Amino acid sequence: MQVPVSRQAAVELFFKSASPPEINHRMHNEVLITRLEVAIG
């Protein structure tokens, strides 16, 4: 069974574990906005 990971937790883990060159390689100035649907109940 896999445990769901929040996007926030995934991003925080990336910044904690990635090297500075890896972070620089993946960062850019674009802002992307997406929709997120969640089921409640």
PDB file of N, CA and C in Angstrom:
ATOM      1  N   MET A   1       0.841  -1.184   0.000  1.00  0.00           N
ATOM      2  CA  MET A   1       0.000   0.000   0.000  1.00  0.00           C
ATOM      3  C   MET A   1       0.882   1.242   0.000  1.00  0.00           C
ATOM      4  N   GLN A   2       0.593   2.182  -0.886  1.00  0.00           N
ATOM      5  CA  GLN A   2       1.344   3.425  -0.941  1.00  0.00           C
ATOM      6  C   GLN A   2       0.631   4.498  -0.134  1.00  0.00           C
ATOM      7  N   VAL A   3       1.402   5.300   0.559  1.00  0.00           N
ATOM      8  CA  VAL A   3       0.847   6.406   1.336  1.00  0.00           C
ATOM      9  C   VAL A   3       0.848   7.646   0.468  1.00  0.00           C
ATOM     10  N   PRO A   4      -0.301   8.317   0.320  1.00  0.00           N
ATOM     11  CA  PRO A   4      -0.321   9.541  -0.483  1.00  0.00           C
ATOM     12  C   PRO A   4       0.567  10.621   0.142  1.00  0.00           C
ATOM     13  N   VAL A   5       1.265  11.354  -0.716  1.00  0.00           N
ATOM     14  CA  VAL A   5       2.135  12.435  -0.262  1.00  0.00           C
ATOM     15  C   VAL A   5       1.574  13.741  -0.808  1.00  0.00           C
ATOM     16  N   SER A   6       1.451  14.728   0.045  1.00  0.00           N
ATOM     17  CA  SER A   6       0.935  16.015  -0.411  1.00  0.00           C
ATOM     18  C   SER A   6       1.965  16.692  -1.302  1.00  0.00           C
ATOM     19  N   ARG A   7       1.495  17.558  -2.160  1.00  0.00           N
ATOM     20  CA  ARG A   7       2.424  18.319  -3.009  1.00  0.00           C
ATOM     21  C   ARG A   7       3.367  19.144  -2.156  1.00  0.00           C
ATOM     22  N   GLN A   8       2.836  19.731  -1.097  1.00  0.00           N
ATOM     23  CA  GLN A   8       3.678  20.551  -0.225  1.00  0.00           C
ATOM     24  C   GLN A   8       4.792  19.713   0.374  1.00  0.00           C
ATOM     25  N   ALA A   9       4.471  18.525   0.860  1.00  0.00           N
ATOM     26  CA  ALA A   9       5.488  17.656   1.448  1.00  0.00           C
ATOM     27  C   ALA A   9       6.517  17.240   0.403  1.00  0.00           C
ATOM     28  N   ALA A  10       6.066  16.978  -0.813  1.00  0.00           N
ATOM     29  CA  ALA A  10       6.987  16.588  -1.881  1.00  0.00           C
ATOM     30  C   ALA A  10       7.957  17.713  -2.216  1.00  0.00           C
ATOM     31  N   VAL A  11       7.449  18.935  -2.290  1.00  0.00           N
ATOM     32  CA  VAL A  11       8.311  20.091  -2.595  1.00  0.00           C
ATOM     33  C   VAL A  11       9.295  20.329  -1.459  1.00  0.00           C
ATOM     34  N   GLU A  12       8.817  20.237  -0.225  1.00  0.00           N
ATOM     35  CA  GLU A  12       9.711  20.426   0.923  1.00  0.00           C
ATOM     36  C   GLU A  12      10.817  19.380   0.930  1.00  0.00           C
ATOM     37  N   LEU A  13      10.482  18.137   0.638  1.00  0.00           N
ATOM     38  CA  LEU A  13      11.482  17.069   0.593  1.00  0.00           C
ATOM     39  C   LEU A  13      12.498  17.327  -0.512  1.00  0.00           C
ATOM     40  N   PHE A  14      12.033  17.800  -1.668  1.00  0.00           N
ATOM     41  CA  PHE A  14      12.955  18.121  -2.755  1.00  0.00           C
ATOM     42  C   PHE A  14      13.976  19.156  -2.309  1.00  0.00           C
ATOM     43  N   PHE A  15      13.510  20.256  -1.695  1.00  0.00           N
ATOM     44  CA  PHE A  15      14.434  21.310  -1.284  1.00  0.00           C
ATOM     45  C   PHE A  15      15.376  20.859  -0.169  1.00  0.00           C
ATOM     46  N   LYS A  16      14.950  19.914   0.657  1.00  0.00           N
ATOM     47  CA  LYS A  16      15.821  19.407   1.716  1.00  0.00           C
ATOM     48  C   LYS A  16      16.884  18.455   1.177  1.00  0.00           C
ATOM     49  N   SER A  17      16.552  17.708   0.114  1.00  0.00           N
ATOM     50  CA  SER A  17      17.454  16.645  -0.324  1.00  0.00           C
ATOM     51  C   SER A  17      18.227  16.939  -1.610  1.00  0.00           C
ATOM     52  N   ALA A  18      17.759  17.860  -2.429  1.00  0.00           N
ATOM     53  CA  ALA A  18      18.424  18.127  -3.711  1.00  0.00           C
ATOM     54  C   ALA A  18      19.669  18.982  -3.514  1.00  0.00           C
ATOM     55  N   SER A  19      20.622  18.780  -4.398  1.00  0.00           N
ATOM     56  CA  SER A  19      21.834  19.591  -4.370  1.00  0.00           C
ATOM     57  C   SER A  19      21.526  20.967  -4.958  1.00  0.00           C
ATOM     58  N   PRO A  20      22.316  21.985  -4.611  1.00  0.00           N
ATOM     59  CA  PRO A  20      22.097  23.315  -5.200  1.00  0.00           C
ATOM     60  C   PRO A  20      22.078  23.315  -6.734  1.00  0.00           C
ATOM     61  N   PRO A  21      22.975  22.575  -7.418  1.00  0.00           N
ATOM     62  CA  PRO A  21      22.891  22.563  -8.881  1.00  0.00           C
ATOM     63  C   PRO A  21      21.576  21.948  -9.394  1.00  0.00           C
ATOM     64  N   GLU A  22      21.074  20.928  -8.706  1.00  0.00           N
ATOM     65  CA  GLU A  22      19.810  20.313  -9.112  1.00  0.00           C
ATOM     66  C   GLU A  22      18.652  21.293  -8.921  1.00  0.00           C
ATOM     67  N   ILE A  23      18.646  22.015  -7.816  1.00  0.00           N
ATOM     68  CA  ILE A  23      17.600  23.015  -7.571  1.00  0.00           C
ATOM     69  C   ILE A  23      17.653  24.098  -8.646  1.00  0.00           C
ATOM     70  N   ASN A  24      18.837  24.609  -8.936  1.00  0.00           N
ATOM     71  CA  ASN A  24      18.982  25.644  -9.968  1.00  0.00           C
ATOM     72  C   ASN A  24      18.518  25.153 -11.330  1.00  0.00           C
ATOM     73  N   HIS A  25      18.805  23.889 -11.633  1.00  0.00           N
ATOM     74  CA  HIS A  25      18.417  23.304 -12.923  1.00  0.00           C
ATOM     75  C   HIS A  25      16.897  23.242 -13.068  1.00  0.00           C
ATOM     76  N   ARG A  26      16.208  22.961 -11.986  1.00  0.00           N
ATOM     77  CA  ARG A  26      14.755  22.772 -12.038  1.00  0.00           C
ATOM     78  C   ARG A  26      13.940  24.038 -11.808  1.00  0.00           C
ATOM     79  N   MET A  27      14.559  25.091 -11.285  1.00  0.00           N
ATOM     80  CA  MET A  27      13.825  26.330 -11.009  1.00  0.00           C
ATOM     81  C   MET A  27      13.694  27.170 -12.277  1.00  0.00           C
ATOM     82  N   HIS A  28      12.584  27.868 -12.391  1.00  0.00           N
ATOM     83  CA  HIS A  28      12.366  28.792 -13.503  1.00  0.00           C
ATOM     84  C   HIS A  28      11.423  29.885 -13.038  1.00  0.00           C
ATOM     85  N   ASN A  29      11.215  30.886 -13.855  1.00  0.00           N
ATOM     86  CA  ASN A  29      10.425  32.053 -13.461  1.00  0.00           C
ATOM     87  C   ASN A  29       8.946  31.934 -13.785  1.00  0.00           C
ATOM     88  N   GLU A  30       8.529  30.857 -14.442  1.00  0.00           N
ATOM     89  CA  GLU A  30       7.131  30.698 -14.788  1.00  0.00           C
ATOM     90  C   GLU A  30       6.304  30.355 -13.547  1.00  0.00           C
ATOM     91  N   VAL A  31       5.081  30.833 -13.540  1.00  0.00           N
ATOM     92  CA  VAL A  31       4.145  30.480 -12.471  1.00  0.00           C
ATOM     93  C   VAL A  31       3.038  29.661 -13.104  1.00  0.00           C
ATOM     94  N   LEU A  32       2.830  28.473 -12.604  1.00  0.00           N
ATOM     95  CA  LEU A  32       1.785  27.600 -13.130  1.00  0.00           C
ATOM     96  C   LEU A  32       0.702  27.438 -12.073  1.00  0.00           C
ATOM     97  N   ILE A  33      -0.534  27.576 -12.493  1.00  0.00           N
ATOM     98  CA  ILE A  33      -1.670  27.413 -11.593  1.00  0.00           C
ATOM     99  C   ILE A  33      -2.511  26.259 -12.120  1.00  0.00           C
ATOM    100  N   THR A  34      -2.805  25.329 -11.245  1.00  0.00           N
ATOM    101  CA  THR A  34      -3.617  24.188 -11.657  1.00  0.00           C
ATOM    102  C   THR A  34      -4.798  24.023 -10.721  1.00  0.00           C
ATOM    103  N   ARG A  35      -5.784  23.298 -11.198  1.00  0.00           N
ATOM    104  CA  ARG A  35      -6.940  22.959 -10.383  1.00  0.00           C
ATOM    105  C   ARG A  35      -6.660  21.673  -9.634  1.00  0.00           C
ATOM    106  N   LEU A  36      -7.234  21.565  -8.478  1.00  0.00           N
ATOM    107  CA  LEU A  36      -7.082  20.357  -7.683  1.00  0.00           C
ATOM    108  C   LEU A  36      -8.450  19.963  -7.174  1.00  0.00           C
ATOM    109  N   GLU A  37      -8.890  18.764  -7.549  1.00  0.00           N
ATOM    110  CA  GLU A  37     -10.167  18.278  -7.065  1.00  0.00           C
ATOM    111  C   GLU A  37      -9.937  17.307  -5.937  1.00  0.00           C
ATOM    112  N   VAL A  38     -10.709  17.436  -4.894  1.00  0.00           N
ATOM    113  CA  VAL A  38     -10.609  16.517  -3.764  1.00  0.00           C
ATOM    114  C   VAL A  38     -11.992  16.009  -3.402  1.00  0.00           C
ATOM    115  N   ALA A  39     -12.046  14.753  -3.013  1.00  0.00           N
ATOM    116  CA  ALA A  39     -13.307  14.161  -2.544  1.00  0.00           C
ATOM    117  C   ALA A  39     -13.361  14.325  -1.033  1.00  0.00           C
ATOM    118  N   ILE A  40     -14.481  14.789  -0.543  1.00  0.00           N
ATOM    119  CA  ILE A  40     -14.664  14.959   0.895  1.00  0.00           C
ATOM    120  C   ILE A  40     -15.814  14.056   1.327  1.00  0.00           C
ATOM    121  N   GLY A  41     -15.510  13.218   2.308  1.00  0.00           N
ATOM    122  CA  GLY A  41     -16.535  12.352   2.863  1.00  0.00           C
ATOM    123  C   GLY A  41     -16.676  11.018   2.210  1.00  0.00           C
TER     124      GLY A  41
END
